[in-house]
């Protein structure tokens, strides 16, 4: 059974308390990249969970054909532009 490769955008409280741990525990998902505008937060979580890739700009995932799902864990007013960019990228 293959895993769904996920990008988590935003590594603040909601991501670190809910999204990231849930994906890590789910055998059907794999977090491929953690993104945060303060990349040190993404790196901290990547080190904690053994995730290889981090970025400071979500646009780096837009051309990655392996990303199949995205969790947008950023402030509410940024959800739409990020989600739209991800959807337009496929």
Protein backbone atom coordinates (compact mmCIF):
# COMPACT_ATOMS: atom_id res chain seq x y z
CA UNK A 1 0.00 0.00 0.00
CA UNK A 2 1.46 3.35 -0.99
CA UNK A 3 1.57 6.41 1.22
CA UNK A 4 0.14 9.84 0.45
CA UNK A 5 2.94 12.40 0.40
CA UNK A 6 2.02 15.56 2.29
CA UNK A 7 3.38 19.07 2.67
CA UNK A 8 2.56 20.93 5.87
CA UNK A 9 2.63 24.68 5.36
CA UNK A 10 3.02 26.54 8.63
CA UNK A 11 4.69 25.00 11.69
CA UNK A 12 3.00 26.92 14.46
CA UNK A 13 0.77 25.65 17.25
CA UNK A 14 -1.97 23.94 15.22
CA UNK A 15 0.55 22.14 13.03
CA UNK A 16 2.78 21.01 15.87
CA UNK A 17 -0.04 19.96 18.21
CA UNK A 18 -2.33 18.27 15.69
CA UNK A 19 -1.43 18.07 12.00
CA UNK A 20 2.19 16.92 12.11
CA UNK A 21 1.73 14.31 14.88
CA UNK A 22 -1.38 12.91 13.15
CA UNK A 23 0.40 12.53 9.80
CA UNK A 24 3.42 10.95 11.48
CA UNK A 25 1.21 8.39 13.27
CA UNK A 26 -0.77 7.53 10.14
CA UNK A 27 0.87 4.68 8.21
CA UNK A 28 -0.87 5.86 5.04
CA UNK A 29 0.79 9.30 5.02
CA UNK A 30 4.32 10.60 4.77
CA UNK A 31 5.29 14.21 5.39
CA UNK A 32 7.63 15.07 2.55
CA UNK A 33 8.24 18.71 3.44
CA UNK A 34 7.58 21.13 6.28
CA UNK A 35 7.29 24.80 5.36
CA UNK A 36 7.35 27.87 7.58
CA UNK A 37 8.31 31.47 6.88
CA UNK A 38 10.54 31.09 9.92
CA UNK A 39 12.35 28.05 8.59
CA UNK A 40 13.96 27.34 11.95
CA UNK A 41 10.49 26.24 13.17
CA UNK A 42 10.19 23.83 10.25
CA UNK A 43 13.70 22.54 10.89
CA UNK A 44 12.93 21.97 14.57
CA UNK A 45 9.90 19.83 13.71
CA UNK A 46 11.75 18.06 10.91
CA UNK A 47 14.50 17.07 13.34
CA UNK A 48 11.94 15.92 15.91
CA UNK A 49 10.12 13.65 13.45
CA UNK A 50 12.85 12.70 10.98
CA UNK A 51 11.49 14.67 8.04
CA UNK A 52 14.14 15.31 5.42
CA UNK A 53 12.97 18.48 3.71
CA UNK A 54 12.09 21.97 4.95
CA UNK A 55 11.53 25.31 3.26
CA UNK A 56 10.77 28.92 4.12
CA UNK A 57 8.57 29.54 1.06
CA UNK A 58 5.62 27.31 0.20
CA UNK A 59 6.18 27.91 -3.51
CA UNK A 60 9.00 25.33 -3.49
CA UNK A 61 6.39 22.57 -3.29
CA UNK A 62 4.37 23.78 -6.27
CA UNK A 63 6.54 22.01 -8.83
CA UNK A 64 6.97 18.82 -6.82
CA UNK A 65 4.91 16.08 -8.50
CA UNK A 66 5.23 13.82 -5.44
CA UNK A 67 3.18 16.13 -3.19
CA UNK A 68 -0.38 14.79 -3.17
CA UNK A 69 -1.89 16.69 -0.24
CA UNK A 70 -1.27 19.93 1.61
CA UNK A 71 -2.16 21.05 5.12
CA UNK A 72 -2.38 24.81 5.27
CA UNK A 73 -1.65 25.65 8.92
CA UNK A 74 -1.02 29.36 8.50
CA UNK A 75 -3.02 32.35 9.77
CA UNK A 76 -6.57 32.28 8.42
CA UNK A 77 -6.15 35.29 6.15
CA UNK A 78 -3.42 33.45 4.20
CA UNK A 79 -5.30 30.19 3.60
CA UNK A 80 -7.00 31.18 0.35
CA UNK A 81 -3.97 32.44 -1.61
CA UNK A 82 -1.88 29.44 -0.53
CA UNK A 83 -4.63 26.93 -1.27
CA UNK A 84 -5.37 28.51 -4.63
CA UNK A 85 -1.68 28.44 -5.63
CA UNK A 86 -1.46 24.77 -4.64
CA UNK A 87 -4.62 23.87 -6.54
CA UNK A 88 -3.47 25.74 -9.64
CA UNK A 89 -0.18 23.84 -9.47
CA UNK A 90 -2.06 20.57 -9.44
